[in-house]
Amino acid sequence: MKSSTRLAQLIAANQIAGALWVTLATLVFGISHGSALETLLALALGVLGIVGGAIALRGSRTGITILVVILALQITRFANAAFAWQFYLGATWRVALQPTAGSDFGFEGLFSIAPWPAGGGSLLEVNLTALLASIYLLFYLYRARMQSIAIPASAHDDVREAKA
């Protein structure tokens, strides 16, 4: 098995673990402020992460594409009194830009779109794990696509293949 396939599977397993955490926590504890939309979104993203990760574990391009979308949704975390987007699945390396600059590692299953209370400040973070993993998986998909397309060595070969 290639190391690139193993890394893609590791990313998938990480997303499955975080998605299981979000899904189970949402089902068991619900959302603290009782938002039906937030509960529905948390469950949908959790199930999508589990399904996409499971399919990606088998090397499916569809599963890896789903993971790229799920990872892209995790790149930026922000919250203020008007709106919030907080979504993390699995192991994360985060760089905070607001309220103070810093870095943190962790393992999380988190989803929230609830705005912060007025006067609660603001938060802006970049999830470097999600950013780097999504870039890697995009290159992985590109490379897999290029390897599956047969490119003839010359125009003569192309004409010969067309006649056959």
N, C-alpha and C. Protein backbone atom coordinates (compact mmCIF):
# COMPACT_ATOMS: atom_id res chain seq x y z
N MET A 1 0.84 -1.17 0.00
CA MET A 1 0.00 0.00 0.00
C MET A 1 0.89 1.24 0.00
N LYS A 2 0.57 2.19 -0.83
CA LYS A 2 1.36 3.41 -0.94
C LYS A 2 1.19 4.27 0.30
N SER A 3 2.23 5.04 0.61
CA SER A 3 2.16 5.93 1.77
C SER A 3 1.11 7.02 1.55
N SER A 4 0.90 7.45 0.29
CA SER A 4 -0.12 8.47 0.03
C SER A 4 -1.52 7.95 0.33
N THR A 5 -1.75 6.65 0.05
CA THR A 5 -3.04 6.05 0.37
C THR A 5 -3.21 5.93 1.88
N ARG A 6 -2.13 5.60 2.57
CA ARG A 6 -2.20 5.50 4.03
C ARG A 6 -2.50 6.84 4.67
N LEU A 7 -1.90 7.90 4.15
CA LEU A 7 -2.16 9.22 4.70
C LEU A 7 -3.62 9.62 4.45
N ALA A 8 -4.15 9.34 3.28
CA ALA A 8 -5.55 9.62 2.99
C ALA A 8 -6.46 8.83 3.93
N GLN A 9 -6.09 7.58 4.23
CA GLN A 9 -6.87 6.78 5.15
C GLN A 9 -6.77 7.31 6.58
N LEU A 10 -5.61 7.81 6.97
CA LEU A 10 -5.44 8.40 8.30
C LEU A 10 -6.32 9.65 8.44
N ILE A 11 -6.35 10.47 7.40
CA ILE A 11 -7.22 11.66 7.41
C ILE A 11 -8.68 11.22 7.52
N ALA A 12 -9.06 10.19 6.78
CA ALA A 12 -10.44 9.68 6.84
C ALA A 12 -10.77 9.17 8.23
N ALA A 13 -9.88 8.40 8.83
CA ALA A 13 -10.12 7.86 10.17
C ALA A 13 -10.25 8.98 11.19
N ASN A 14 -9.43 10.01 11.08
CA ASN A 14 -9.50 11.16 11.97
C ASN A 14 -10.86 11.85 11.85
N GLN A 15 -11.34 12.03 10.63
CA GLN A 15 -12.63 12.67 10.42
C GLN A 15 -13.78 11.80 10.92
N ILE A 16 -13.67 10.49 10.75
CA ILE A 16 -14.70 9.58 11.26
C ILE A 16 -14.79 9.70 12.78
N ALA A 17 -13.63 9.69 13.46
CA ALA A 17 -13.62 9.77 14.92
C ALA A 17 -14.28 11.07 15.40
N GLY A 18 -13.91 12.19 14.81
CA GLY A 18 -14.52 13.46 15.20
C GLY A 18 -16.00 13.53 14.87
N ALA A 19 -16.38 12.97 13.72
CA ALA A 19 -17.79 12.98 13.31
C ALA A 19 -18.63 12.10 14.24
N LEU A 20 -18.07 10.97 14.65
CA LEU A 20 -18.77 10.12 15.63
C LEU A 20 -19.00 10.89 16.93
N TRP A 21 -17.98 11.63 17.35
CA TRP A 21 -18.07 12.41 18.57
C TRP A 21 -19.19 13.46 18.46
N VAL A 22 -19.22 14.21 17.36
CA VAL A 22 -20.26 15.24 17.17
C VAL A 22 -21.64 14.60 17.10
N THR A 23 -21.76 13.52 16.34
CA THR A 23 -23.06 12.87 16.16
C THR A 23 -23.58 12.31 17.48
N LEU A 24 -22.74 11.56 18.20
CA LEU A 24 -23.18 10.98 19.47
C LEU A 24 -23.49 12.06 20.50
N ALA A 25 -22.65 13.07 20.59
CA ALA A 25 -22.90 14.15 21.56
C ALA A 25 -24.20 14.88 21.24
N THR A 26 -24.47 15.10 19.97
CA THR A 26 -25.71 15.77 19.57
C THR A 26 -26.91 14.91 19.90
N LEU A 27 -26.82 13.60 19.62
CA LEU A 27 -27.94 12.71 19.91
C LEU A 27 -28.17 12.55 21.41
N VAL A 28 -27.10 12.45 22.18
CA VAL A 28 -27.24 12.21 23.62
C VAL A 28 -27.57 13.50 24.36
N PHE A 29 -26.83 14.57 24.09
CA PHE A 29 -26.98 15.79 24.87
C PHE A 29 -27.79 16.87 24.18
N GLY A 30 -27.94 16.77 22.87
CA GLY A 30 -28.63 17.81 22.13
C GLY A 30 -27.80 19.08 22.07
N ILE A 31 -28.41 20.15 21.64
CA ILE A 31 -27.76 21.45 21.57
C ILE A 31 -28.25 22.26 22.76
N SER A 32 -27.35 22.86 23.49
CA SER A 32 -27.69 23.50 24.76
C SER A 32 -28.75 24.59 24.65
N HIS A 33 -28.79 25.30 23.56
CA HIS A 33 -29.76 26.37 23.42
C HIS A 33 -30.97 25.97 22.59
N GLY A 34 -31.09 24.68 22.28
CA GLY A 34 -32.30 24.13 21.66
C GLY A 34 -32.59 24.56 20.23
N SER A 35 -31.61 24.89 19.45
CA SER A 35 -31.82 25.30 18.07
C SER A 35 -32.02 24.07 17.19
N ALA A 36 -33.19 23.96 16.58
CA ALA A 36 -33.49 22.83 15.71
C ALA A 36 -32.57 22.84 14.48
N LEU A 37 -32.32 24.03 13.93
CA LEU A 37 -31.45 24.13 12.76
C LEU A 37 -30.04 23.68 13.10
N GLU A 38 -29.54 24.10 14.25
CA GLU A 38 -28.19 23.72 14.65
C GLU A 38 -28.10 22.22 14.90
N THR A 39 -29.12 21.65 15.51
CA THR A 39 -29.15 20.20 15.74
C THR A 39 -29.15 19.45 14.42
N LEU A 40 -29.99 19.88 13.50
CA LEU A 40 -30.07 19.24 12.19
C LEU A 40 -28.75 19.34 11.43
N LEU A 41 -28.14 20.52 11.44
CA LEU A 41 -26.86 20.70 10.75
C LEU A 41 -25.75 19.86 11.40
N ALA A 42 -25.71 19.82 12.72
CA ALA A 42 -24.69 19.02 13.42
C ALA A 42 -24.83 17.55 13.06
N LEU A 43 -26.06 17.04 13.05
CA LEU A 43 -26.27 15.64 12.70
C LEU A 43 -25.95 15.38 11.23
N ALA A 44 -26.36 16.28 10.35
CA ALA A 44 -26.10 16.09 8.92
C ALA A 44 -24.59 16.09 8.64
N LEU A 45 -23.86 17.04 9.22
CA LEU A 45 -22.41 17.10 8.99
C LEU A 45 -21.71 15.91 9.64
N GLY A 46 -22.18 15.49 10.82
CA GLY A 46 -21.60 14.33 11.48
C GLY A 46 -21.79 13.05 10.66
N VAL A 47 -23.01 12.84 10.19
CA VAL A 47 -23.29 11.64 9.39
C VAL A 47 -22.53 11.70 8.06
N LEU A 48 -22.47 12.88 7.45
CA LEU A 48 -21.72 13.03 6.20
C LEU A 48 -20.24 12.75 6.43
N GLY A 49 -19.69 13.20 7.55
CA GLY A 49 -18.30 12.91 7.87
C GLY A 49 -18.05 11.42 8.08
N ILE A 50 -18.98 10.74 8.74
CA ILE A 50 -18.84 9.30 8.96
C ILE A 50 -18.92 8.54 7.64
N VAL A 51 -19.94 8.85 6.85
CA VAL A 51 -20.14 8.15 5.57
C VAL A 51 -18.99 8.45 4.60
N GLY A 52 -18.65 9.73 4.46
CA GLY A 52 -17.56 10.10 3.56
C GLY A 52 -16.24 9.48 3.99
N GLY A 53 -15.98 9.47 5.30
CA GLY A 53 -14.76 8.87 5.81
C GLY A 53 -14.72 7.36 5.58
N ALA A 54 -15.85 6.70 5.81
CA ALA A 54 -15.90 5.24 5.60
C ALA A 54 -15.69 4.89 4.14
N ILE A 55 -16.28 5.66 3.25
CA ILE A 55 -16.11 5.41 1.81
C ILE A 55 -14.66 5.72 1.40
N ALA A 56 -14.09 6.80 1.97
CA ALA A 56 -12.71 7.19 1.65
C ALA A 56 -11.71 6.15 2.15
N LEU A 57 -12.03 5.48 3.25
CA LEU A 57 -11.13 4.43 3.76
C LEU A 57 -10.91 3.33 2.72
N ARG A 58 -11.89 3.13 1.86
CA ARG A 58 -11.77 2.12 0.81
C ARG A 58 -11.16 2.68 -0.47
N GLY A 59 -10.70 3.94 -0.41
CA GLY A 59 -10.02 4.52 -1.57
C GLY A 59 -10.95 5.15 -2.59
N SER A 60 -12.20 5.35 -2.25
CA SER A 60 -13.16 5.92 -3.19
C SER A 60 -12.93 7.41 -3.40
N ARG A 61 -12.93 7.83 -4.66
CA ARG A 61 -12.79 9.26 -4.96
C ARG A 61 -14.00 10.04 -4.43
N THR A 62 -15.17 9.41 -4.45
CA THR A 62 -16.37 10.07 -3.93
C THR A 62 -16.21 10.35 -2.44
N GLY A 63 -15.73 9.37 -1.70
CA GLY A 63 -15.52 9.56 -0.27
C GLY A 63 -14.49 10.63 0.01
N ILE A 64 -13.42 10.64 -0.76
CA ILE A 64 -12.38 11.65 -0.56
C ILE A 64 -12.91 13.04 -0.92
N THR A 65 -13.74 13.13 -1.95
CA THR A 65 -14.36 14.41 -2.31
C THR A 65 -15.25 14.92 -1.18
N ILE A 66 -16.03 14.02 -0.58
CA ILE A 66 -16.87 14.40 0.56
C ILE A 66 -15.99 14.92 1.70
N LEU A 67 -14.88 14.23 1.95
CA LEU A 67 -13.97 14.67 3.02
C LEU A 67 -13.38 16.05 2.72
N VAL A 68 -13.07 16.32 1.48
CA VAL A 68 -12.53 17.65 1.12
C VAL A 68 -13.55 18.73 1.49
N VAL A 69 -14.82 18.48 1.19
CA VAL A 69 -15.88 19.45 1.52
C VAL A 69 -15.99 19.61 3.03
N ILE A 70 -16.03 18.48 3.75
CA ILE A 70 -16.13 18.52 5.21
C ILE A 70 -14.92 19.25 5.81
N LEU A 71 -13.74 18.97 5.31
CA LEU A 71 -12.52 19.64 5.80
C LEU A 71 -12.55 21.14 5.48
N ALA A 72 -13.01 21.50 4.30
CA ALA A 72 -13.07 22.92 3.93
C ALA A 72 -13.98 23.70 4.88
N LEU A 73 -15.03 23.06 5.35
CA LEU A 73 -15.95 23.71 6.30
C LEU A 73 -15.32 23.90 7.68
N GLN A 74 -14.20 23.22 7.93
CA GLN A 74 -13.53 23.31 9.23
C GLN A 74 -12.34 24.27 9.25
N ILE A 75 -11.99 24.84 8.13
CA ILE A 75 -10.78 25.67 8.05
C ILE A 75 -10.88 26.93 8.90
N THR A 76 -12.01 27.59 8.88
CA THR A 76 -12.16 28.84 9.61
C THR A 76 -13.20 28.68 10.72
N ARG A 77 -12.85 29.16 11.89
CA ARG A 77 -13.77 29.18 13.02
C ARG A 77 -13.90 30.64 13.45
N PHE A 78 -15.13 31.13 13.53
CA PHE A 78 -15.33 32.50 13.97
C PHE A 78 -16.62 32.60 14.76
N ALA A 79 -16.65 33.59 15.62
CA ALA A 79 -17.85 33.85 16.41
C ALA A 79 -17.83 35.29 16.89
N ASN A 80 -19.02 35.88 16.89
CA ASN A 80 -19.21 37.20 17.47
C ASN A 80 -20.68 37.30 17.88
N ALA A 81 -21.14 38.49 18.21
CA ALA A 81 -22.52 38.65 18.68
C ALA A 81 -23.55 38.48 17.56
N ALA A 82 -23.15 38.56 16.30
CA ALA A 82 -24.08 38.46 15.18
C ALA A 82 -24.19 37.05 14.61
N PHE A 83 -23.06 36.33 14.52
CA PHE A 83 -23.06 35.02 13.86
C PHE A 83 -21.86 34.22 14.33
N ALA A 84 -21.96 32.93 14.17
CA ALA A 84 -20.84 32.06 14.52
C ALA A 84 -20.78 30.87 13.58
N TRP A 85 -19.59 30.37 13.37
CA TRP A 85 -19.35 29.11 12.66
C TRP A 85 -18.19 28.43 13.37
N GLN A 86 -18.52 27.37 14.10
CA GLN A 86 -17.51 26.63 14.84
C GLN A 86 -17.72 25.15 14.51
N PHE A 87 -16.77 24.59 13.75
CA PHE A 87 -16.92 23.21 13.29
C PHE A 87 -15.55 22.57 13.22
N TYR A 88 -15.33 21.58 14.07
CA TYR A 88 -14.08 20.82 14.09
C TYR A 88 -14.41 19.34 14.24
N LEU A 89 -13.71 18.51 13.50
CA LEU A 89 -13.81 17.06 13.63
C LEU A 89 -12.40 16.49 13.78
N GLY A 90 -12.14 15.82 14.89
CA GLY A 90 -10.88 15.11 15.05
C GLY A 90 -9.75 15.97 15.55
N ALA A 91 -8.54 15.50 15.27
CA ALA A 91 -7.32 16.18 15.71
C ALA A 91 -7.19 17.51 14.98
N THR A 92 -6.85 18.55 15.73
CA THR A 92 -6.73 19.87 15.14
C THR A 92 -5.47 20.58 15.63
N TRP A 93 -4.94 21.41 14.77
CA TRP A 93 -3.89 22.35 15.12
C TRP A 93 -4.44 23.70 14.69
N ARG A 94 -4.76 24.52 15.67
CA ARG A 94 -5.44 25.78 15.42
C ARG A 94 -4.53 26.97 15.70
N VAL A 95 -4.66 27.97 14.87
CA VAL A 95 -3.97 29.24 15.08
C VAL A 95 -5.04 30.29 15.31
N ALA A 96 -5.02 30.88 16.49
CA ALA A 96 -5.99 31.93 16.83
C ALA A 96 -5.46 33.28 16.36
N LEU A 97 -6.33 34.05 15.72
CA LEU A 97 -5.98 35.38 15.27
C LEU A 97 -6.69 36.44 16.13
N GLN A 98 -7.84 36.07 16.69
CA GLN A 98 -8.60 36.93 17.58
C GLN A 98 -9.17 36.08 18.69
N PRO A 99 -9.33 36.43 19.88
CA PRO A 99 -9.03 37.73 20.46
C PRO A 99 -7.54 37.96 20.69
N THR A 100 -6.76 36.91 20.86
CA THR A 100 -5.31 37.06 20.96
C THR A 100 -4.67 36.02 20.07
N ALA A 101 -3.51 36.34 19.54
CA ALA A 101 -2.81 35.41 18.67
C ALA A 101 -2.23 34.27 19.50
N GLY A 102 -2.27 33.07 18.94
CA GLY A 102 -1.72 31.91 19.63
C GLY A 102 -1.97 30.65 18.83
N SER A 103 -1.55 29.54 19.39
CA SER A 103 -1.69 28.25 18.72
C SER A 103 -2.12 27.21 19.75
N ASP A 104 -2.87 26.21 19.28
CA ASP A 104 -3.36 25.17 20.18
C ASP A 104 -3.56 23.88 19.40
N PHE A 105 -3.35 22.77 20.09
CA PHE A 105 -3.60 21.44 19.53
C PHE A 105 -4.75 20.82 20.31
N GLY A 106 -5.46 19.91 19.67
CA GLY A 106 -6.50 19.22 20.40
C GLY A 106 -7.20 18.18 19.55
N PHE A 107 -8.10 17.48 20.19
CA PHE A 107 -8.98 16.54 19.50
C PHE A 107 -10.39 16.98 19.85
N GLU A 108 -11.16 17.33 18.83
CA GLU A 108 -12.47 17.89 19.09
C GLU A 108 -13.52 17.34 18.15
N GLY A 109 -14.70 17.34 18.65
CA GLY A 109 -15.90 17.18 17.86
C GLY A 109 -16.77 18.35 18.25
N LEU A 110 -16.86 19.36 17.43
CA LEU A 110 -17.53 20.59 17.80
C LEU A 110 -18.33 21.12 16.62
N PHE A 111 -19.58 21.51 16.90
CA PHE A 111 -20.36 22.23 15.89
C PHE A 111 -21.25 23.21 16.62
N SER A 112 -21.19 24.47 16.20
CA SER A 112 -22.07 25.50 16.75
C SER A 112 -22.19 26.65 15.77
N ILE A 113 -23.42 27.13 15.63
CA ILE A 113 -23.66 28.33 14.83
C ILE A 113 -24.31 29.41 15.70
N ALA A 114 -24.33 29.19 17.02
CA ALA A 114 -24.96 30.13 17.94
C ALA A 114 -24.07 31.36 18.13
N PRO A 115 -24.64 32.55 17.91
CA PRO A 115 -23.87 33.76 18.14
C PRO A 115 -23.49 33.88 19.62
N TRP A 116 -22.40 34.56 19.88
CA TRP A 116 -21.98 34.80 21.25
C TRP A 116 -22.84 35.88 21.86
N PRO A 117 -22.94 35.91 23.17
CA PRO A 117 -23.72 36.98 23.82
C PRO A 117 -23.13 38.36 23.50
N ALA A 118 -24.00 39.35 23.49
CA ALA A 118 -23.53 40.73 23.25
C ALA A 118 -22.45 41.07 24.27
N GLY A 119 -21.37 41.68 23.79
CA GLY A 119 -20.26 42.02 24.66
C GLY A 119 -19.32 40.86 24.91
N GLY A 120 -19.57 39.72 24.26
CA GLY A 120 -18.75 38.52 24.46
C GLY A 120 -17.47 38.52 23.64
N GLY A 121 -17.24 39.58 22.90
CA GLY A 121 -16.03 39.64 22.08
C GLY A 121 -16.19 38.89 20.78
N SER A 122 -15.07 38.52 20.21
CA SER A 122 -15.10 37.79 18.95
C SER A 122 -13.96 36.78 18.92
N LEU A 123 -14.10 35.82 18.03
CA LEU A 123 -13.13 34.75 17.88
C LEU A 123 -12.86 34.55 16.40
N LEU A 124 -11.61 34.36 16.05
CA LEU A 124 -11.23 34.00 14.69
C LEU A 124 -10.04 33.06 14.78
N GLU A 125 -10.23 31.84 14.26
CA GLU A 125 -9.18 30.83 14.25
C GLU A 125 -9.08 30.19 12.88
N VAL A 126 -7.88 29.71 12.57
CA VAL A 126 -7.65 28.93 11.35
C VAL A 126 -7.21 27.55 11.79
N ASN A 127 -7.87 26.54 11.28
CA ASN A 127 -7.55 25.15 11.58
C ASN A 127 -6.54 24.68 10.53
N LEU A 128 -5.27 24.68 10.90
CA LEU A 128 -4.23 24.30 9.95
C LEU A 128 -4.32 22.83 9.56
N THR A 129 -4.78 21.97 10.45
CA THR A 129 -4.95 20.55 10.12
C THR A 129 -5.94 20.39 8.97
N ALA A 130 -7.09 21.06 9.08
CA ALA A 130 -8.10 20.96 8.02
C ALA A 130 -7.61 21.59 6.73
N LEU A 131 -6.91 22.72 6.83
CA LEU A 131 -6.38 23.37 5.64
C LEU A 131 -5.40 22.48 4.90
N LEU A 132 -4.41 21.96 5.63
CA LEU A 132 -3.39 21.12 5.00
C LEU A 132 -3.96 19.79 4.50
N ALA A 133 -4.87 19.19 5.28
CA ALA A 133 -5.47 17.91 4.85
C ALA A 133 -6.32 18.10 3.61
N SER A 134 -7.07 19.19 3.52
CA SER A 134 -7.91 19.40 2.33
C SER A 134 -7.05 19.66 1.10
N ILE A 135 -5.96 20.42 1.26
CA ILE A 135 -5.05 20.64 0.13
C ILE A 135 -4.43 19.32 -0.31
N TYR A 136 -3.98 18.53 0.65
CA TYR A 136 -3.38 17.23 0.32
C TYR A 136 -4.38 16.34 -0.42
N LEU A 137 -5.62 16.27 0.07
CA LEU A 137 -6.62 15.41 -0.58
C LEU A 137 -7.00 15.92 -1.97
N LEU A 138 -6.98 17.24 -2.17
CA LEU A 138 -7.24 17.77 -3.51
C LEU A 138 -6.14 17.33 -4.48
N PHE A 139 -4.88 17.39 -4.05
CA PHE A 139 -3.78 16.90 -4.89
C PHE A 139 -3.88 15.40 -5.09
N TYR A 140 -4.29 14.68 -4.07
CA TYR A 140 -4.48 13.23 -4.17
C TYR A 140 -5.54 12.91 -5.23
N LEU A 141 -6.66 13.63 -5.21
CA LEU A 141 -7.71 13.42 -6.22
C LEU A 141 -7.21 13.78 -7.61
N TYR A 142 -6.49 14.89 -7.72
CA TYR A 142 -5.95 15.32 -9.01
C TYR A 142 -5.01 14.26 -9.58
N ARG A 143 -4.11 13.77 -8.73
CA ARG A 143 -3.15 12.76 -9.17
C ARG A 143 -3.87 11.46 -9.58
N ALA A 144 -4.87 11.06 -8.82
CA ALA A 144 -5.63 9.85 -9.15
C ALA A 144 -6.36 10.02 -10.48
N ARG A 145 -6.88 11.21 -10.71
CA ARG A 145 -7.58 11.46 -11.97
C ARG A 145 -6.62 11.44 -13.15
N MET A 146 -5.47 12.06 -12.98
CA MET A 146 -4.48 12.10 -14.06
C MET A 146 -3.95 10.70 -14.37
N GLN A 147 -3.80 9.86 -13.38
CA GLN A 147 -3.31 8.51 -13.60
C GLN A 147 -4.35 7.62 -14.28
N SER A 148 -5.63 7.97 -14.13
CA SER A 148 -6.67 7.14 -14.73
C SER A 148 -6.97 7.53 -16.17
N ILE A 149 -6.47 8.67 -16.62
CA ILE A 149 -6.69 9.12 -18.00
C ILE A 149 -5.51 8.66 -18.85
N ALA A 150 -5.80 7.86 -19.85
CA ALA A 150 -4.74 7.38 -20.74
C ALA A 150 -4.43 8.47 -21.76
N ILE A 151 -3.21 8.92 -21.77
CA ILE A 151 -2.78 9.95 -22.72
C ILE A 151 -1.92 9.27 -23.79
N PRO A 152 -2.35 9.34 -25.05
CA PRO A 152 -1.56 8.71 -26.10
C PRO A 152 -0.20 9.39 -26.25
N ALA A 153 0.79 8.60 -26.65
CA ALA A 153 2.15 9.13 -26.82
C ALA A 153 2.25 10.09 -27.99
N SER A 154 1.42 9.89 -29.02
CA SER A 154 1.45 10.78 -30.18
C SER A 154 0.07 10.82 -30.82
N ALA A 155 -0.12 11.74 -31.74
CA ALA A 155 -1.39 11.83 -32.45
C ALA A 155 -1.63 10.57 -33.27
N HIS A 156 -0.57 9.95 -33.79
CA HIS A 156 -0.67 8.72 -34.56
C HIS A 156 -1.28 7.60 -33.70
N ASP A 157 -0.85 7.49 -32.45
CA ASP A 157 -1.41 6.50 -31.55
C ASP A 157 -2.88 6.77 -31.29
N ASP A 158 -3.26 8.04 -31.22
CA ASP A 158 -4.63 8.42 -30.98
C ASP A 158 -5.53 7.97 -32.13
N VAL A 159 -5.06 8.15 -33.39
CA VAL A 159 -5.81 7.74 -34.56
C VAL A 159 -5.93 6.22 -34.60
N ARG A 160 -4.86 5.51 -34.26
CA ARG A 160 -4.86 4.05 -34.25
C ARG A 160 -5.87 3.53 -33.21
N GLU A 161 -5.94 4.16 -32.05
CA GLU A 161 -6.89 3.74 -31.00
C GLU A 161 -8.31 4.00 -31.46
N ALA A 162 -8.55 5.08 -32.18
CA ALA A 162 -9.88 5.41 -32.65
C ALA A 162 -10.36 4.39 -33.67
N LYS A 163 -9.48 3.85 -34.54
CA LYS A 163 -9.85 2.86 -35.55
C LYS A 163 -10.13 1.51 -34.93
N ALA A 164 -9.51 1.21 -33.82
CA ALA A 164 -9.65 -0.13 -33.19
C ALA A 164 -11.00 -0.34 -32.55
